[in-house]
Amino acid sequence: MPKVEKCRICGSNDLHFFLRLGKTPLANNFIKPEKADEKEAAYPLEVCLCKNCGLVQLGYVVPPEIMFKEYIYFSSTSETIRAHFASLASEVLEQFSRKNDLIVEIASNDGVLLKNFLGRDIRALGVEPATNVAAVANKAGVETLNEFFNSKTAKRILAERGSASAIIANNVFAHIPDLHDFADGLRTLLAPDGTLIIEFPYLCDLYENLEFDTVYHEHLSYYSLKPVMHLFEKYGMELFDARKFPVHGGTMRIYAQKKGGRHPVNKERLKGFLARERKLGLYSTESWDAFAKRVENLKIDLVSMLLRLKKEGKKIAIYSAPAKGNTLLNYCRIGNEVVDYAVDKSQHKQGLLTPGMRIRVFGLNMLEERKPDYLLILAWNFADEIMKQQADFKKAGGHFIIPVPSPRII
């Protein structure tokens, strides 16, 4: 796998590598127990900053066909995400669509968002590359194309169904290897007065909250507004607004349109976000070198905490096994000698082993069968939801460990 030589937005070769997390397996490639002794493929996990446009991006790219044709993440698992998407759907229906309009969601997963449009006189279409996930959506009545979205797909949808009044892309923008082809496809499919809505983890939050574990091979890019605006300008589109949401540890939702579209540009809000990015130093190599040092210190603190608890005879279980958690486990080398087991609500992960560290994942009933003293919450972005669900564990004397931005016991 060749090292990235040029920025995937501006093409500059002035890249500064600052974070090296070692060779790791793909974060969502959970392992069947009978294959536990087989060697896993591992790829370099390194991050660099483009000193020209400010894009933070992976230094090595794994082909998407390897990562996304079969997928183990289902959005509907989280109550928080279901509520967040229901709110977004209401906004689209009220502000950005009319009767019989076409609404397209890119990387629509199991249809958790598009279900909100069923029976609403809207033509909703999902585009989802993971075959198993697309099948679940179609079975639920959400029409879903099982393929990657690109300029070719956009032209076919346009020819068969017409232009889209709204295109939605949640938590997929970071996964796109060819951003220029993707942007070209968006421009092709979007109606002249249409609205593009994209959500992605916001770089300000990653930097401030030390969210290094959100770095894994599926996430090729880590966005601030500056490089995003640069990309869309190349394709005749403009951002007209942006809003922050707390989900996933800090999510940015951008609203874009073709230049000269019907929506007034919220210049003050966009300027405010750009000013914050500059103040934090998100375009500075020094800032990111300091970030890498903070990551090293977190690793030392977390491992020391877990080893101390283990030495005291405490039982430690992992609650939830998200992709980000596997970055943390593999970087910190936290395995079966430290934790007793993992649990996850997703039936698609239960009975499997985590990539790399090979920790067995069970259903939540294991918490009653083999009661732990501590729960290490790897899906820290849903920590409030999880701690609420596990209130009885806390009342019985149990404790939660939140690893990011600094290891702490609750």
Protein backbone atom coordinates (compact mmCIF):
# COMPACT_ATOMS: atom_id res chain seq x y z
CA MET A 1 0.00 0.00 0.00
CA PRO A 2 1.78 3.16 -1.18
CA LYS A 3 2.21 6.20 1.01
CA VAL A 4 0.07 9.23 0.12
CA GLU A 5 2.18 11.77 -1.74
CA LYS A 6 -0.39 14.49 -2.46
CA CYS A 7 -3.31 16.10 -0.63
CA ARG A 8 -6.60 14.61 -1.79
CA ILE A 9 -8.22 18.05 -2.01
CA CYS A 10 -5.66 20.56 -3.29
CA GLY A 11 -2.98 18.23 -4.72
CA SER A 12 -0.13 19.76 -2.73
CA ASN A 13 2.77 17.49 -1.79
CA ASP A 14 3.60 19.63 1.26
CA LEU A 15 2.36 17.10 3.82
CA HIS A 16 3.42 16.99 7.46
CA PHE A 17 3.11 13.57 9.15
CA PHE A 18 2.46 13.94 12.89
CA LEU A 19 0.58 10.90 14.28
CA ARG A 20 1.75 7.32 13.89
CA LEU A 21 -0.43 4.67 15.52
CA GLY A 22 1.41 1.66 14.09
CA LYS A 23 0.17 -1.11 11.81
CA THR A 24 -3.37 -2.05 12.76
CA PRO A 25 -6.09 -4.33 11.34
CA LEU A 26 -9.25 -2.85 9.87
CA ALA A 27 -11.33 -1.56 12.77
CA ASN A 28 -14.60 -3.24 11.74
CA ASN A 29 -13.15 -6.60 10.69
CA PHE A 30 -14.28 -8.66 13.64
CA ILE A 31 -13.07 -12.26 13.69
CA LYS A 32 -14.92 -15.53 14.00
CA PRO A 33 -13.57 -17.60 16.92
CA GLU A 34 -12.65 -20.52 14.64
CA LYS A 35 -10.31 -18.18 12.76
CA ALA A 36 -8.63 -16.83 15.87
CA ASP A 37 -5.28 -18.35 14.97
CA GLU A 38 -5.21 -16.95 11.45
CA LYS A 39 -3.06 -13.92 10.74
CA GLU A 40 -4.86 -10.64 10.10
CA ALA A 41 -3.95 -8.10 7.46
CA ALA A 42 -2.64 -4.92 9.08
CA TYR A 43 -1.99 -1.55 7.51
CA PRO A 44 -0.06 1.56 8.59
CA LEU A 45 -2.24 4.04 10.46
CA GLU A 46 -0.62 7.45 10.09
CA VAL A 47 -2.01 10.97 9.84
CA CYS A 48 -0.70 14.07 8.11
CA LEU A 49 -1.62 17.73 7.67
CA CYS A 50 -1.67 19.44 4.28
CA LYS A 51 0.23 22.66 4.91
CA ASN A 52 -1.43 24.25 1.89
CA CYS A 53 -5.21 23.80 2.36
CA GLY A 54 -5.34 22.51 5.94
CA LEU A 55 -6.83 19.07 5.31
CA VAL A 56 -5.91 16.45 7.93
CA GLN A 57 -5.82 13.04 6.26
CA LEU A 58 -4.51 9.49 6.42
CA GLY A 59 -1.09 8.84 4.95
CA TYR A 60 -2.07 5.40 3.59
CA VAL A 61 -5.33 4.42 1.89
CA VAL A 62 -6.88 0.95 1.98
CA PRO A 63 -9.10 0.29 -1.10
CA PRO A 64 -12.77 0.87 -0.16
CA GLU A 65 -13.82 -2.43 -1.75
CA ILE A 66 -11.92 -4.20 1.03
CA MET A 67 -13.62 -2.24 3.80
CA PHE A 68 -17.22 -1.64 2.80
CA LYS A 69 -18.72 -4.49 0.77
CA GLU A 70 -19.61 -6.28 4.00
CA TYR A 71 -20.07 -4.07 7.06
CA ILE A 72 -20.80 -4.67 10.70
CA TYR A 73 -22.00 -1.23 11.83
CA PHE A 74 -25.77 -0.66 11.87
CA SER A 75 -26.90 2.90 12.68
CA SER A 76 -30.23 1.84 14.18
CA THR A 77 -28.47 0.30 17.20
CA SER A 78 -28.19 3.69 18.93
CA GLU A 79 -31.18 5.51 20.41
CA THR A 80 -29.22 8.77 20.19
CA ILE A 81 -28.64 8.38 16.45
CA ARG A 82 -32.25 7.44 15.77
CA ALA A 83 -33.44 10.60 17.50
CA HIS A 84 -30.81 12.76 15.77
CA PHE A 85 -31.80 11.50 12.32
CA ALA A 86 -35.52 11.86 13.02
CA SER A 87 -34.89 15.53 13.77
CA LEU A 88 -32.88 15.95 10.58
CA ALA A 89 -35.62 14.32 8.52
CA SER A 90 -38.19 16.74 9.93
CA GLU A 91 -35.93 19.65 8.99
CA VAL A 92 -35.55 18.38 5.42
CA LEU A 93 -39.29 17.88 5.05
CA GLU A 94 -40.10 21.34 6.36
CA GLN A 95 -37.37 23.41 4.71
CA PHE A 96 -35.74 21.65 1.78
CA SER A 97 -38.31 19.51 -0.04
CA ARG A 98 -41.75 19.55 -1.59
CA LYS A 99 -44.28 16.88 -2.51
CA ASN A 100 -42.88 14.15 -4.83
CA ASP A 101 -39.33 15.53 -4.62
CA LEU A 102 -36.40 13.13 -4.80
CA ILE A 103 -34.29 12.87 -1.66
CA VAL A 104 -31.09 10.84 -1.89
CA GLU A 105 -29.03 9.67 1.05
CA ILE A 106 -25.46 8.55 0.41
CA ALA A 107 -24.21 5.69 2.61
CA SER A 108 -27.74 5.26 3.93
CA ASN A 109 -26.81 2.24 6.07
CA ASP A 110 -29.87 0.31 7.27
CA GLY A 111 -32.29 3.11 6.37
CA VAL A 112 -32.51 4.63 9.85
CA LEU A 113 -32.84 8.16 8.41
CA LEU A 114 -34.85 7.43 5.26
CA LYS A 115 -37.49 5.49 7.20
CA ASN A 116 -38.68 8.88 8.40
CA PHE A 117 -39.68 9.79 4.83
CA LEU A 118 -41.82 6.71 4.16
CA GLY A 119 -45.48 7.56 3.60
CA ARG A 120 -44.71 11.29 3.31
CA ASP A 121 -45.19 11.79 -0.47
CA ILE A 122 -41.43 11.91 -0.94
CA ARG A 123 -39.33 9.78 -3.28
CA ALA A 124 -36.58 8.60 -0.94
CA LEU A 125 -33.59 6.68 -2.28
CA GLY A 126 -30.63 5.26 -0.40
CA VAL A 127 -27.21 4.48 -1.87
CA GLU A 128 -25.32 1.97 0.30
CA PRO A 129 -22.21 -0.02 -0.74
CA ALA A 130 -22.36 -2.70 1.98
CA THR A 131 -24.36 -5.59 0.53
CA ASN A 132 -25.54 -6.98 3.87
CA VAL A 133 -26.61 -3.57 5.20
CA ALA A 134 -28.39 -2.55 1.98
CA ALA A 135 -30.37 -5.81 2.14
CA VAL A 136 -31.62 -4.92 5.63
CA ALA A 137 -32.75 -1.49 4.40
CA ASN A 138 -34.56 -2.87 1.35
CA LYS A 139 -36.30 -5.48 3.50
CA ALA A 140 -37.53 -2.65 5.74
CA GLY A 141 -39.09 -0.92 2.74
CA VAL A 142 -36.39 1.69 2.15
CA GLU A 143 -35.41 1.57 -1.54
CA THR A 144 -31.63 1.28 -1.56
CA LEU A 145 -29.09 0.92 -4.37
CA ASN A 146 -26.28 -1.43 -3.38
CA GLU A 147 -23.30 0.48 -4.75
CA PHE A 148 -20.81 3.24 -4.09
CA PHE A 149 -21.83 6.82 -4.84
CA ASN A 150 -19.68 8.50 -7.48
CA SER A 151 -20.10 10.60 -10.62
CA LYS A 152 -21.18 7.55 -12.64
CA THR A 153 -23.85 6.60 -10.09
CA ALA A 154 -25.05 10.20 -9.97
CA LYS A 155 -25.52 10.34 -13.76
CA ARG A 156 -27.53 7.12 -13.71
CA ILE A 157 -29.82 8.30 -10.91
CA LEU A 158 -30.30 11.62 -12.71
CA ALA A 159 -31.23 9.87 -15.96
CA GLU A 160 -33.66 7.47 -14.28
CA ARG A 161 -35.23 9.64 -11.58
CA GLY A 162 -34.34 13.28 -12.20
CA SER A 163 -32.39 15.68 -10.00
CA ALA A 164 -32.51 15.62 -6.19
CA SER A 165 -33.98 18.45 -4.16
CA ALA A 166 -31.92 17.27 -1.21
CA ILE A 167 -28.83 15.08 -0.98
CA ILE A 168 -27.84 13.90 2.48
CA ALA A 169 -24.48 12.36 3.41
CA ASN A 170 -24.01 11.53 7.08
CA ASN A 171 -20.76 10.08 8.40
CA VAL A 172 -19.52 9.11 4.93
CA PHE A 173 -17.61 12.20 3.79
CA ALA A 174 -14.59 11.09 5.79
CA HIS A 175 -14.61 7.73 3.97
CA ILE A 176 -14.30 9.04 0.41
CA PRO A 177 -10.96 8.35 -1.35
CA ASP A 178 -11.69 10.36 -4.52
CA LEU A 179 -13.18 13.58 -3.23
CA HIS A 180 -13.17 15.22 -6.65
CA ASP A 181 -15.22 12.50 -8.29
CA PHE A 182 -17.57 12.56 -5.28
CA ALA A 183 -18.02 16.35 -5.49
CA ASP A 184 -18.60 16.09 -9.24
CA GLY A 185 -21.32 13.51 -8.58
CA LEU A 186 -22.98 15.79 -6.04
CA ARG A 187 -22.99 18.69 -8.48
CA THR A 188 -24.45 16.45 -11.20
CA LEU A 189 -27.34 15.09 -9.14
CA LEU A 190 -28.27 18.18 -7.13
CA ALA A 191 -31.16 20.26 -8.49
CA PRO A 192 -30.39 23.91 -9.36
CA ASP A 193 -32.25 25.02 -6.22
CA GLY A 194 -31.39 21.89 -4.25
CA THR A 195 -29.71 21.53 -0.89
CA LEU A 196 -26.75 19.37 0.06
CA ILE A 197 -26.51 18.38 3.73
CA ILE A 198 -23.36 16.68 4.97
CA GLU A 199 -22.42 15.65 8.50
CA PHE A 200 -18.90 14.72 9.56
CA PRO A 201 -16.87 14.60 12.79
CA TYR A 202 -15.54 18.12 13.32
CA LEU A 203 -11.79 18.56 13.52
CA CYS A 204 -12.03 21.17 16.29
CA ASP A 205 -13.54 18.59 18.61
CA LEU A 206 -11.05 15.91 17.59
CA TYR A 207 -8.21 18.30 18.43
CA GLU A 208 -9.60 19.75 21.66
CA ASN A 209 -10.92 16.47 23.10
CA LEU A 210 -8.01 14.29 21.97
CA GLU A 211 -10.30 12.04 19.91
CA PHE A 212 -7.39 10.17 18.34
CA ASP A 213 -9.32 6.91 18.42
CA THR A 214 -11.64 8.21 15.70
CA VAL A 215 -8.64 7.68 13.44
CA TYR A 216 -8.95 4.38 11.57
CA HIS A 217 -8.57 3.23 7.99
CA GLU A 218 -12.17 3.93 7.01
CA HIS A 219 -11.75 7.59 7.94
CA LEU A 220 -9.48 8.99 5.25
CA SER A 221 -10.08 12.67 5.99
CA TYR A 222 -10.64 14.75 9.15
CA TYR A 223 -12.37 17.97 8.26
CA SER A 224 -12.30 21.56 9.31
CA LEU A 225 -14.39 23.99 7.25
CA LYS A 226 -11.50 25.62 5.39
CA PRO A 227 -10.56 22.67 3.12
CA VAL A 228 -14.22 21.69 2.62
CA MET A 229 -15.05 25.16 1.32
CA HIS A 230 -12.00 24.96 -0.94
CA LEU A 231 -13.22 21.66 -2.42
CA PHE A 232 -16.78 22.77 -3.13
CA GLU A 233 -15.67 26.03 -4.70
CA LYS A 234 -13.86 23.99 -7.33
CA TYR A 235 -17.19 22.43 -8.34
CA GLY A 236 -19.39 25.50 -8.42
CA MET A 237 -20.93 24.97 -4.99
CA GLU A 238 -20.90 27.02 -1.81
CA LEU A 239 -21.61 26.53 1.86
CA PHE A 240 -24.52 28.67 3.01
CA ASP A 241 -24.65 27.54 6.63
CA ALA A 242 -23.10 25.23 9.23
CA ARG A 243 -24.22 23.94 12.61
CA LYS A 244 -22.57 21.97 15.42
CA PHE A 245 -24.14 18.95 17.15
CA PRO A 246 -22.83 16.92 20.11
CA VAL A 247 -23.36 13.46 18.57
CA HIS A 248 -20.29 11.31 17.85
CA GLY A 249 -18.14 13.50 20.08
CA GLY A 250 -18.74 16.63 17.99
CA THR A 251 -20.42 16.65 14.58
CA MET A 252 -20.46 19.44 11.99
CA ARG A 253 -23.45 19.68 9.69
CA ILE A 254 -22.87 21.78 6.60
CA TYR A 255 -25.49 23.08 4.19
CA ALA A 256 -24.39 23.68 0.61
CA GLN A 257 -25.93 24.66 -2.71
CA LYS A 258 -24.93 25.50 -6.23
CA LYS A 259 -23.54 29.03 -6.37
CA GLY A 260 -26.29 31.58 -6.61
CA GLY A 261 -28.83 29.22 -5.05
CA ARG A 262 -31.96 30.28 -3.22
CA HIS A 263 -30.54 30.23 0.31
CA PRO A 264 -28.79 33.33 1.73
CA VAL A 265 -25.26 32.66 2.94
CA ASN A 266 -24.83 32.89 6.72
CA LYS A 267 -21.49 34.67 6.46
CA GLU A 268 -21.19 35.50 10.15
CA ARG A 269 -21.65 31.92 11.31
CA LEU A 270 -19.18 30.56 8.75
CA LYS A 271 -16.64 33.25 9.65
CA GLY A 272 -17.04 32.32 13.30
CA PHE A 273 -16.17 28.69 12.68
CA LEU A 274 -13.17 29.63 10.53
CA ALA A 275 -11.91 32.02 13.21
CA ARG A 276 -12.12 29.27 15.83
CA GLU A 277 -10.15 26.91 13.59
CA ARG A 278 -7.39 29.48 13.19
CA LYS A 279 -7.33 30.26 16.91
CA LEU A 280 -6.92 26.57 17.78
CA GLY A 281 -4.06 26.26 15.29
CA LEU A 282 -5.68 23.58 13.16
CA TYR A 283 -3.57 24.61 10.15
CA SER A 284 -0.33 24.55 12.17
CA THR A 285 2.20 21.70 12.27
CA GLU A 286 3.22 22.68 15.80
CA SER A 287 -0.32 22.21 17.07
CA TRP A 288 -0.56 18.71 15.64
CA ASP A 289 2.87 17.69 16.91
CA ALA A 290 1.69 18.69 20.39
CA PHE A 291 -1.51 16.69 19.82
CA ALA A 292 0.56 13.56 19.07
CA LYS A 293 2.45 14.02 22.33
CA ARG A 294 -0.83 14.27 24.24
CA VAL A 295 -1.91 10.98 22.65
CA GLU A 296 1.25 9.27 23.90
CA ASN A 297 0.58 10.55 27.42
CA LEU A 298 -3.02 9.31 27.32
CA LYS A 299 -1.80 5.84 26.41
CA ILE A 300 0.57 5.80 29.38
CA ASP A 301 -2.12 7.01 31.79
CA LEU A 302 -4.84 4.62 30.61
CA VAL A 303 -2.64 1.52 30.59
CA SER A 304 -1.26 2.39 34.04
CA MET A 305 -4.80 2.79 35.39
CA LEU A 306 -5.99 -0.54 34.00
CA LEU A 307 -2.91 -2.43 35.18
CA ARG A 308 -3.31 -0.97 38.67
CA LEU A 309 -6.95 -2.07 38.83
CA LYS A 310 -6.03 -5.52 37.54
CA LYS A 311 -3.31 -5.84 40.14
CA GLU A 312 -5.90 -5.02 42.80
CA GLY A 313 -7.93 -8.01 41.57
CA LYS A 314 -10.66 -5.99 39.89
CA LYS A 315 -12.68 -7.37 36.98
CA ILE A 316 -12.78 -5.07 33.95
CA ALA A 317 -15.19 -5.50 31.07
CA ILE A 318 -15.47 -3.47 27.90
CA TYR A 319 -18.85 -1.94 27.16
CA SER A 320 -19.41 -1.59 23.40
CA ALA A 321 -16.95 -2.52 20.68
CA PRO A 322 -17.04 0.34 18.16
CA ALA A 323 -14.45 0.89 15.45
CA LYS A 324 -12.90 3.73 17.45
CA GLY A 325 -12.51 1.35 20.36
CA ASN A 326 -10.41 -0.99 18.28
CA THR A 327 -8.04 1.84 17.39
CA LEU A 328 -7.62 2.53 21.10
CA LEU A 329 -7.22 -1.14 22.07
CA ASN A 330 -4.63 -1.83 19.39
CA TYR A 331 -2.62 1.35 19.91
CA CYS A 332 -2.56 0.88 23.70
CA ARG A 333 -2.11 -2.91 23.38
CA ILE A 334 -5.02 -3.60 25.74
CA GLY A 335 -5.93 -7.27 25.45
CA ASN A 336 -7.19 -10.29 27.33
CA GLU A 337 -4.51 -10.01 30.00
CA VAL A 338 -6.06 -6.69 31.06
CA VAL A 339 -9.81 -6.95 30.35
CA ASP A 340 -12.03 -9.95 30.99
CA TYR A 341 -14.43 -9.64 28.06
CA ALA A 342 -16.45 -7.18 25.97
CA VAL A 343 -20.19 -6.69 25.53
CA ASP A 344 -22.11 -4.98 22.75
CA LYS A 345 -25.81 -4.46 21.97
CA SER A 346 -25.27 -5.31 18.31
CA GLN A 347 -26.04 -8.95 17.55
CA HIS A 348 -23.78 -8.62 14.52
CA LYS A 349 -20.74 -8.38 16.83
CA GLN A 350 -21.73 -10.83 19.55
CA GLY A 351 -19.79 -14.08 19.47
CA LEU A 352 -16.92 -12.52 17.51
CA LEU A 353 -13.44 -11.37 18.50
CA THR A 354 -12.25 -7.79 18.25
CA PRO A 355 -9.71 -7.10 15.47
CA GLY A 356 -6.12 -7.31 16.60
CA MET A 357 -6.48 -7.82 20.33
CA ARG A 358 -8.95 -10.76 19.94
CA ILE A 359 -11.26 -9.91 22.86
CA ARG A 360 -14.48 -11.96 22.82
CA VAL A 361 -17.69 -9.94 22.44
CA PHE A 362 -20.82 -11.11 24.29
CA GLY A 363 -24.38 -9.89 24.68
CA LEU A 364 -25.31 -7.61 27.58
CA ASN A 365 -26.51 -10.59 29.63
CA MET A 366 -22.84 -11.41 30.32
CA LEU A 367 -22.75 -8.43 32.68
CA GLU A 368 -25.08 -10.38 34.99
CA GLU A 369 -23.37 -13.75 34.54
CA ARG A 370 -19.83 -12.47 35.13
CA LYS A 371 -20.32 -9.22 36.99
CA PRO A 372 -17.41 -6.80 36.49
CA ASP A 373 -16.20 -4.10 38.87
CA TYR A 374 -15.44 -1.65 36.08
CA LEU A 375 -16.88 -0.99 32.63
CA LEU A 376 -14.50 0.55 30.12
CA ILE A 377 -16.76 2.52 27.78
CA LEU A 378 -15.13 2.58 24.36
CA ALA A 379 -18.14 4.25 22.71
CA TRP A 380 -17.49 7.32 24.86
CA ASN A 381 -19.59 9.41 22.44
CA PHE A 382 -22.62 7.53 23.81
CA ALA A 383 -21.38 7.47 27.43
CA ASP A 384 -24.41 9.30 28.84
CA GLU A 385 -26.81 6.94 27.07
CA ILE A 386 -24.82 3.89 28.23
CA MET A 387 -24.50 5.00 31.85
CA LYS A 388 -28.22 5.69 31.96
CA GLN A 389 -28.94 2.20 30.62
CA GLN A 390 -26.55 0.70 33.19
CA ALA A 391 -27.78 2.68 36.19
CA ASP A 392 -28.30 -0.54 38.20
CA PHE A 393 -24.64 -1.46 37.66
CA LYS A 394 -23.64 1.86 39.18
CA LYS A 395 -26.07 1.50 42.10
CA ALA A 396 -24.60 -1.94 42.85
CA GLY A 397 -21.16 -0.38 43.32
CA GLY A 398 -19.80 -0.62 39.79
CA HIS A 399 -17.70 2.06 38.14
CA PHE A 400 -17.34 3.39 34.60
CA ILE A 401 -14.04 4.22 32.91
CA ILE A 402 -14.12 6.91 30.21
CA PRO A 403 -10.82 6.83 28.28
CA VAL A 404 -11.03 10.04 26.23
CA PRO A 405 -9.98 12.90 26.47
CA SER A 406 -8.23 11.72 29.60
CA PRO A 407 -8.80 8.45 31.48
CA ARG A 408 -11.23 8.96 34.34
CA ILE A 409 -13.32 6.79 36.65
CA ILE A 410 -16.96 7.61 37.27
